[in-house]
PDB file of N, CA and C in Angstrom:
ATOM      1  N   MET A   1       4.807  -5.752 -13.147  1.00  0.00           N
ATOM      2  CA  MET A   1       4.752  -5.317 -12.384  1.00  0.00           C
ATOM      3  C   MET A   1       3.011  -5.078 -12.007  1.00  0.00           C
ATOM      4  N   ASN A   2       3.003  -5.504 -10.916  1.00  0.00           N
ATOM      5  CA  ASN A   2       1.331  -5.901 -10.137  1.00  0.00           C
ATOM      6  C   ASN A   2       1.384  -5.070  -9.129  1.00  0.00           C
ATOM      7  N   LEU A   3      -0.026  -4.970  -8.686  1.00  0.00           N
ATOM      8  CA  LEU A   3      -0.133  -3.536  -8.056  1.00  0.00           C
ATOM      9  C   LEU A   3       0.475  -3.916  -6.662  1.00  0.00           C
ATOM     10  N   ASP A   4       0.908  -5.099  -5.964  1.00  0.00           N
ATOM     11  CA  ASP A   4       1.175  -5.410  -5.257  1.00  0.00           C
ATOM     12  C   ASP A   4       2.523  -5.205  -4.579  1.00  0.00           C
ATOM     13  N   ARG A   5       3.285  -6.381  -6.198  1.00  0.00           N
ATOM     14  CA  ARG A   5       4.802  -5.279  -5.572  1.00  0.00           C
ATOM     15  C   ARG A   5       4.496  -4.631  -6.014  1.00  0.00           C
ATOM     16  N   ALA A   6       4.151  -3.179  -6.356  1.00  0.00           N
ATOM     17  CA  ALA A   6       4.712  -2.372  -6.855  1.00  0.00           C
ATOM     18  C   ALA A   6       4.401  -1.271  -5.623  1.00  0.00           C
ATOM     19  N   VAL A   7       3.193  -1.260  -4.657  1.00  0.00           N
ATOM     20  CA  VAL A   7       3.017  -1.463  -2.676  1.00  0.00           C
ATOM     21  C   VAL A   7       4.359  -1.644  -2.786  1.00  0.00           C
ATOM     22  N   LEU A   8       4.877  -2.532  -2.445  1.00  0.00           N
ATOM     23  CA  LEU A   8       5.796  -3.090  -1.815  1.00  0.00           C
ATOM     24  C   LEU A   8       7.218  -2.324  -2.247  1.00  0.00           C
ATOM     25  N   THR A   9       7.208  -1.814  -3.748  1.00  0.00           N
ATOM     26  CA  THR A   9       8.387  -1.314  -3.600  1.00  0.00           C
ATOM     27  C   THR A   9       8.546   0.121  -3.561  1.00  0.00           C
ATOM     28  N   VAL A  10       7.525   0.721  -3.440  1.00  0.00           N
ATOM     29  CA  VAL A  10       7.256   2.328  -2.522  1.00  0.00           C
ATOM     30  C   VAL A  10       7.476   1.846  -1.311  1.00  0.00           C
ATOM     31  N   ALA A  11       6.764   0.893  -0.951  1.00  0.00           N
ATOM     32  CA  ALA A  11       7.226   1.180   0.438  1.00  0.00           C
ATOM     33  C   ALA A  11       8.694   0.923   1.183  1.00  0.00           C
ATOM     34  N   GLY A  12       9.189  -0.231   0.312  1.00  0.00           N
ATOM     35  CA  GLY A  12      11.088  -0.014   0.547  1.00  0.00           C
ATOM     36  C   GLY A  12      11.774   0.758   0.179  1.00  0.00           C
ATOM     37  N   THR A  13      11.441   1.068  -1.047  1.00  0.00           N
ATOM     38  CA  THR A  13      12.446   2.582  -1.501  1.00  0.00           C
ATOM     39  C   THR A  13      12.039   3.893  -0.149  1.00  0.00           C
ATOM     40  N   VAL A  14      11.105   3.961   0.001  1.00  0.00           N
ATOM     41  CA  VAL A  14      10.674   5.189   0.715  1.00  0.00           C
ATOM     42  C   VAL A  14      11.274   4.817   2.584  1.00  0.00           C
ATOM     43  N   THR A  15      11.269   3.427   3.080  1.00  0.00           N
ATOM     44  CA  THR A  15      12.056   3.475   4.113  1.00  0.00           C
ATOM     45  C   THR A  15      13.704   3.634   3.966  1.00  0.00           C
ATOM     46  N   LEU A  16      13.877   2.712   3.039  1.00  0.00           N
ATOM     47  CA  LEU A  16      15.612   3.060   2.653  1.00  0.00           C
ATOM     48  C   LEU A  16      16.169   4.372   2.517  1.00  0.00           C
ATOM     49  N   VAL A  17      15.257   5.018   1.873  1.00  0.00           N
ATOM     50  CA  VAL A  17      15.474   6.421   1.597  1.00  0.00           C
ATOM     51  C   VAL A  17      15.055   7.438   2.879  1.00  0.00           C
ATOM     52  N   SER A  18      14.349   7.556   3.175  1.00  0.00           N
ATOM     53  CA  SER A  18      14.800   7.652   5.002  1.00  0.00           C
ATOM     54  C   SER A  18      15.341   7.431   6.145  1.00  0.00           C
ATOM     55  N   ALA A  19      15.691   6.217   6.332  1.00  0.00           N
ATOM     56  CA  ALA A  19      16.996   5.521   7.083  1.00  0.00           C
ATOM     57  C   ALA A  19      17.875   6.058   6.445  1.00  0.00           C
ATOM     58  N   LEU A  20      18.397   6.768   5.465  1.00  0.00           N
ATOM     59  CA  LEU A  20      19.432   7.396   4.954  1.00  0.00           C
ATOM     60  C   LEU A  20      19.146   8.767   5.220  1.00  0.00           C
ATOM     61  N   LEU A  21      18.671   9.684   4.794  1.00  0.00           N
ATOM     62  CA  LEU A  21      18.704  10.689   5.471  1.00  0.00           C
ATOM     63  C   LEU A  21      18.206  11.053   6.856  1.00  0.00           C
ATOM     64  N   ALA A  22      17.778   9.860   8.056  1.00  0.00           N
ATOM     65  CA  ALA A  22      18.224   9.784   9.257  1.00  0.00           C
ATOM     66  C   ALA A  22      19.856   9.744  10.007  1.00  0.00           C
ATOM     67  N   ALA A  23      20.154   9.857   8.627  1.00  0.00           N
ATOM     68  CA  ALA A  23      21.637   8.988   9.048  1.00  0.00           C
ATOM     69  C   ALA A  23      22.747  10.029   8.694  1.00  0.00           C
ATOM     70  N   VAL A  24      22.352  10.548   7.306  1.00  0.00           N
ATOM     71  CA  VAL A  24      23.042  12.076   6.560  1.00  0.00           C
ATOM     72  C   VAL A  24      22.252  13.129   7.714  1.00  0.00           C
ATOM     73  N   VAL A  25      21.125  13.428   6.902  1.00  0.00           N
ATOM     74  CA  VAL A  25      20.694  14.901   7.674  1.00  0.00           C
ATOM     75  C   VAL A  25      19.627  15.100   9.375  1.00  0.00           C
ATOM     76  N   SER A  26      18.998  14.329   9.228  1.00  0.00           N
ATOM     77  CA  SER A  26      18.702  14.924  11.166  1.00  0.00           C
ATOM     78  C   SER A  26      17.757  13.047  11.528  1.00  0.00           C
ATOM     79  N   PRO A  27      17.647  13.155  12.589  1.00  0.00           N
ATOM     80  CA  PRO A  27      17.542  11.952  12.964  1.00  0.00           C
ATOM     81  C   PRO A  27      15.514  12.077  13.317  1.00  0.00           C
ATOM     82  N   TRP A  28      15.493  12.815  12.808  1.00  0.00           N
ATOM     83  CA  TRP A  28      14.191  12.782  12.619  1.00  0.00           C
ATOM     84  C   TRP A  28      13.086  12.211  11.333  1.00  0.00           C
ATOM     85  N   TRP A  29      14.167  11.783  10.401  1.00  0.00           N
ATOM     86  CA  TRP A  29      13.136  11.328   9.112  1.00  0.00           C
ATOM     87  C   TRP A  29      13.233   9.848   9.436  1.00  0.00           C
ATOM     88  N   LEU A  30      13.342   9.785  11.143  1.00  0.00           N
ATOM     89  CA  LEU A  30      12.895   8.240  11.517  1.00  0.00           C
ATOM     90  C   LEU A  30      11.987   8.335  11.378  1.00  0.00           C
ATOM     91  N   LEU A  31      10.574   9.406  11.423  1.00  0.00           N
ATOM     92  CA  LEU A  31       9.170   9.365  11.929  1.00  0.00           C
ATOM     93  C   LEU A  31       8.956   8.628  10.684  1.00  0.00           C
ATOM     94  N   LEU A  32       9.333   9.323   9.360  1.00  0.00           N
ATOM     95  CA  LEU A  32       8.804   8.737   8.221  1.00  0.00           C
ATOM     96  C   LEU A  32       8.742   7.380   7.800  1.00  0.00           C
ATOM     97  N   THR A  33       9.868   6.280   8.478  1.00  0.00           N
ATOM     98  CA  THR A  33      10.233   5.709   8.094  1.00  0.00           C
ATOM     99  C   THR A  33       9.006   4.737   9.434  1.00  0.00           C
ATOM    100  N   ALA A  34       8.922   5.728  10.318  1.00  0.00           N
ATOM    101  CA  ALA A  34       7.437   4.532  11.537  1.00  0.00           C
ATOM    102  C   ALA A  34       7.146   4.980  10.687  1.00  0.00           C
ATOM    103  N   PHE A  35       6.348   5.603  10.027  1.00  0.00           N
ATOM    104  CA  PHE A  35       5.255   6.002   9.133  1.00  0.00           C
ATOM    105  C   PHE A  35       4.607   5.227   8.169  1.00  0.00           C
ATOM    106  N   VAL A  36       6.087   4.927   7.465  1.00  0.00           N
ATOM    107  CA  VAL A  36       5.743   3.438   6.064  1.00  0.00           C
ATOM    108  C   VAL A  36       5.136   2.046   6.912  1.00  0.00           C
ATOM    109  N   GLY A  37       6.462   2.281   7.892  1.00  0.00           N
ATOM    110  CA  GLY A  37       6.001   0.952   8.730  1.00  0.00           C
ATOM    111  C   GLY A  37       4.475  -0.006   9.388  1.00  0.00           C
ATOM    112  N   LEU A  38       3.421   2.056   9.886  1.00  0.00           N
ATOM    113  CA  LEU A  38       2.289   1.952  10.637  1.00  0.00           C
ATOM    114  C   LEU A  38       1.937   1.510   9.440  1.00  0.00           C
ATOM    115  N   ASN A  39       1.660   1.669   8.286  1.00  0.00           N
ATOM    116  CA  ASN A  39       0.840   2.449   7.448  1.00  0.00           C
ATOM    117  C   ASN A  39       0.551   0.255   7.149  1.00  0.00           C
ATOM    118  N   LEU A  40       1.766  -0.467   7.166  1.00  0.00           N
ATOM    119  CA  LEU A  40       1.864  -1.692   6.373  1.00  0.00           C
ATOM    120  C   LEU A  40       1.446  -2.390   7.055  1.00  0.00           C
ATOM    121  N   LEU A  41       1.315  -2.298   8.852  1.00  0.00           N
ATOM    122  CA  LEU A  41       0.356  -2.550   9.729  1.00  0.00           C
ATOM    123  C   LEU A  41      -0.803  -2.245   9.545  1.00  0.00           C
ATOM    124  N   GLN A  42      -1.106  -1.223   9.244  1.00  0.00           N
ATOM    125  CA  GLN A  42      -2.746  -1.131   9.151  1.00  0.00           C
ATOM    126  C   GLN A  42      -3.341  -1.893   7.917  1.00  0.00           C
ATOM    127  N   SER A  43      -2.431  -2.160   6.997  1.00  0.00           N
ATOM    128  CA  SER A  43      -2.876  -2.645   5.843  1.00  0.00           C
ATOM    129  C   SER A  43      -2.755  -3.657   5.377  1.00  0.00           C
ATOM    130  N   SER A  44      -1.856  -4.428   6.390  1.00  0.00           N
ATOM    131  CA  SER A  44      -2.283  -6.024   6.402  1.00  0.00           C
ATOM    132  C   SER A  44      -3.614  -6.820   7.226  1.00  0.00           C
ATOM    133  N   PHE A  45      -4.209  -5.796   8.805  1.00  0.00           N
ATOM    134  CA  PHE A  45      -5.151  -6.078   9.121  1.00  0.00           C
ATOM    135  C   PHE A  45      -6.868  -5.203   8.437  1.00  0.00           C
ATOM    136  N   THR A  46      -6.519  -4.185   8.116  1.00  0.00           N
ATOM    137  CA  THR A  46      -7.872  -3.862   6.928  1.00  0.00           C
ATOM    138  C   THR A  46      -7.855  -3.737   5.140  1.00  0.00           C
ATOM    139  N   GLY A  47      -6.619  -4.289   4.254  1.00  0.00           N
ATOM    140  CA  GLY A  47      -6.494  -3.877   3.628  1.00  0.00           C
ATOM    141  C   GLY A  47      -6.541  -2.863   3.149  1.00  0.00           C
ATOM    142  N   PHE A  48      -6.699  -1.616   3.713  1.00  0.00           N
ATOM    143  CA  PHE A  48      -7.251  -0.137   2.792  1.00  0.00           C
ATOM    144  C   PHE A  48      -5.316   0.084   3.078  1.00  0.00           C
ATOM    145  N   CYS A  49      -4.564   0.996   2.198  1.00  0.00           N
ATOM    146  CA  CYS A  49      -3.167   1.412   1.695  1.00  0.00           C
ATOM    147  C   CYS A  49      -4.008   2.309   0.576  1.00  0.00           C
ATOM    148  N   PRO A  50      -3.488   3.383   1.207  1.00  0.00           N
ATOM    149  CA  PRO A  50      -3.482   5.279  -0.022  1.00  0.00           C
ATOM    150  C   PRO A  50      -2.611   4.466  -1.417  1.00  0.00           C
ATOM    151  N   ALA A  51      -1.637   4.425  -1.497  1.00  0.00           N
ATOM    152  CA  ALA A  51      -0.441   4.093  -1.244  1.00  0.00           C
ATOM    153  C   ALA A  51      -0.742   2.744  -2.981  1.00  0.00           C
ATOM    154  N   ALA A  52      -1.487   2.350  -2.494  1.00  0.00           N
ATOM    155  CA  ALA A  52      -2.446   1.077  -3.832  1.00  0.00           C
ATOM    156  C   ALA A  52      -3.501   1.602  -4.787  1.00  0.00           C
ATOM    157  N   ILE A  53      -4.585   2.866  -3.540  1.00  0.00           N
ATOM    158  CA  ILE A  53      -5.005   3.462  -4.453  1.00  0.00           C
ATOM    159  C   ILE A  53      -5.018   4.606  -5.338  1.00  0.00           C
ATOM    160  N   ILE A  54      -3.205   5.375  -5.150  1.00  0.00           N
ATOM    161  CA  ILE A  54      -3.031   5.801  -6.187  1.00  0.00           C
ATOM    162  C   ILE A  54      -2.425   5.244  -7.145  1.00  0.00           C
ATOM    163  N   LEU A  55      -2.083   4.399  -6.395  1.00  0.00           N
ATOM    164  CA  LEU A  55      -1.330   3.235  -8.167  1.00  0.00           C
ATOM    165  C   LEU A  55      -2.215   2.788  -9.482  1.00  0.00           C
ATOM    166  N   ARG A  56      -3.621   2.541  -8.292  1.00  0.00           N
ATOM    167  CA  ARG A  56      -4.701   2.019  -9.027  1.00  0.00           C
ATOM    168  C   ARG A  56      -4.750   2.392 -10.153  1.00  0.00           C
ATOM    169  N   ARG A  57      -4.838   4.048  -9.753  1.00  0.00           N
ATOM    170  CA  ARG A  57      -5.494   5.796 -10.703  1.00  0.00           C
ATOM    171  C   ARG A  57      -4.534   5.755 -11.422  1.00  0.00           C
ATOM    172  N   LEU A  58      -2.838   5.062 -11.341  1.00  0.00           N
ATOM    173  CA  LEU A  58      -1.961   5.773 -12.388  1.00  0.00           C
ATOM    174  C   LEU A  58      -1.881   3.924 -13.446  1.00  0.00           C
ATOM    175  N   GLY A  59      -2.832   2.949 -13.006  1.00  0.00           N
ATOM    176  CA  GLY A  59      -2.577   2.668 -14.466  1.00  0.00           C
ATOM    177  C   GLY A  59      -1.815   0.776 -13.393  1.00  0.00           C
ATOM    178  N   VAL A  60      -1.493   0.981 -13.222  1.00  0.00           N
ATOM    179  CA  VAL A  60      -1.085  -0.622 -11.891  1.00  0.00           C
ATOM    180  C   VAL A  60      -1.779  -1.574 -11.892  1.00  0.00           C
ATOM    181  N   PRO A  61      -1.511  -2.904 -12.823  1.00  0.00           N
ATOM    182  CA  PRO A  61      -2.473  -3.694 -12.971  1.00  0.00           C
ATOM    183  C   PRO A  61      -2.626  -4.028 -11.498  1.00  0.00           C
ATOM    184  N   GLY A  62      -4.232  -4.860 -11.263  1.00  0.00           N
ATOM    185  CA  GLY A  62      -4.147  -5.234  -9.439  1.00  0.00           C
ATOM    186  C   GLY A  62      -3.324  -6.606  -9.177  1.00  0.00           C
ATOM    187  N   GLY A  63      -3.419  -6.914  -8.208  1.00  0.00           N
ATOM    188  CA  GLY A  63      -2.984  -7.937  -7.451  1.00  0.00           C
ATOM    189  C   GLY A  63      -4.027  -8.504  -6.805  1.00  0.00           C
ATOM    190  N   CYS A  64      -3.355  -9.518  -6.472  1.00  0.00           N
ATOM    191  CA  CYS A  64      -4.457 -10.445  -5.570  1.00  0.00           C
ATOM    192  C   CYS A  64      -4.358 -10.150  -3.684  1.00  0.00           C
ATOM    193  N   ALA A  65      -3.595  -9.289  -3.050  1.00  0.00           N
ATOM    194  CA  ALA A  65      -3.723  -8.670  -1.903  1.00  0.00           C
ATOM    195  C   ALA A  65      -4.698  -7.850  -2.134  1.00  0.00           C
ATOM    196  N   PHE A  66      -4.585  -7.112  -2.895  1.00  0.00           N
ATOM    197  CA  PHE A  66      -5.165  -5.375  -2.567  1.00  0.00           C
ATOM    198  C   PHE A  66      -6.705  -5.276  -3.867  1.00  0.00           C
ATOM    199  N   THR A  67      -7.290  -6.310  -3.417  1.00  0.00           N
ATOM    200  CA  THR A  67      -8.721  -5.834  -4.147  1.00  0.00           C
ATOM    201  C   THR A  67     -10.038  -5.719  -3.665  1.00  0.00           C
ATOM    202  N   ASP A  68     -10.610  -6.073  -4.423  1.00  0.00           N
ATOM    203  CA  ASP A  68     -11.942  -5.195  -3.780  1.00  0.00           C
ATOM    204  C   ASP A  68     -13.296  -6.384  -3.166  1.00  0.00           C
ATOM    205  N   THR A  69     -13.269  -5.982  -1.678  1.00  0.00           N
ATOM    206  CA  THR A  69     -13.558  -7.297  -0.890  1.00  0.00           C
ATOM    207  C   THR A  69     -14.820  -7.656  -1.165  1.00  0.00           C
ATOM    208  N   ARG A  70     -15.397  -6.895  -1.814  1.00  0.00           N
ATOM    209  CA  ARG A  70     -16.887  -6.535  -1.454  1.00  0.00           C
ATOM    210  C   ARG A  70     -17.198  -8.021  -2.485  1.00  0.00           C
ATOM    211  N   PRO A  71     -18.868  -8.821  -2.137  1.00  0.00           N
ATOM    212  CA  PRO A  71     -19.054  -9.782  -2.661  1.00  0.00           C
ATOM    213  C   PRO A  71     -19.953  -9.153  -4.154  1.00  0.00           C
ATOM    214  N   ALA A  72     -19.101 -10.016  -5.148  1.00  0.00           N
ATOM    215  CA  ALA A  72     -19.918  -9.984  -6.377  1.00  0.00           C
ATOM    216  C   ALA A  72     -21.314  -9.264  -6.551  1.00  0.00           C
ATOM    217  N   GLN A  73     -21.710  -9.360  -7.084  1.00  0.00           N
ATOM    218  CA  GLN A  73     -23.291  -9.146  -7.647  1.00  0.00           C
ATOM    219  C   GLN A  73     -23.741 -10.013  -8.661  1.00  0.00           C
ATOM    220  N   THR A  74     -24.310 -11.091  -8.107  1.00  0.00           N
ATOM    221  CA  THR A  74     -25.010 -11.628  -9.827  1.00  0.00           C
ATOM    222  C   THR A  74     -26.373 -12.088 -10.021  1.00  0.00           C
ATOM    223  N   SER A  75     -26.554 -12.405 -10.591  1.00  0.00           N
ATOM    224  CA  SER A  75     -28.099 -12.851 -10.827  1.00  0.00           C
ATOM    225  C   SER A  75     -28.964 -13.689 -10.571  1.00  0.00           C
ATOM    226  N   GLU A  76     -27.929 -13.930  -9.975  1.00  0.00           N
ATOM    227  CA  GLU A  76     -28.930 -15.134  -8.816  1.00  0.00           C
ATOM    228  C   GLU A  76     -29.403 -14.161  -7.587  1.00  0.00           C
ATOM    229  N   THR A  77     -28.262 -12.645  -6.609  1.00  0.00           N
ATOM    230  CA  THR A  77     -28.758 -12.164  -5.691  1.00  0.00           C
ATOM    231  C   THR A  77     -29.502 -11.141  -6.213  1.00  0.00           C
ATOM    232  N   VAL A  78     -29.520 -10.717  -7.387  1.00  0.00           N
ATOM    233  CA  VAL A  78     -30.034 -10.041  -8.007  1.00  0.00           C
ATOM    234  C   VAL A  78     -31.900 -10.371  -8.253  1.00  0.00           C
ATOM    235  N   GLN A  79     -32.138 -12.103  -8.368  1.00  0.00           N
ATOM    236  CA  GLN A  79     -33.171 -11.721  -8.524  1.00  0.00           C
ATOM    237  C   GLN A  79     -33.589 -12.524  -6.889  1.00  0.00           C
ATOM    238  N   ALA A  80     -33.143 -12.648  -6.110  1.00  0.00           N
ATOM    239  CA  ALA A  80     -33.945 -13.237  -4.640  1.00  0.00           C
ATOM    240  C   ALA A  80     -34.536 -11.972  -3.689  1.00  0.00           C
TER     241      ALA A  80
END
């Protein structure tokens, strides 16, 4: 499993668990669902995802969605 799929798995699991808790325990758990949705939305625009950072530190191999977007420094750019 790569980082992209792991982030989607975590987001989906948290959303389903919070919806279940909202139905069984309290509707206030829908705030967690809203938080996950807003985090996914901002991540789609900025590329910054706290879950991706945590999963990367846990050793999940990278995917194509959450990569370092800084240009690579090559020997040609160093010499210029």
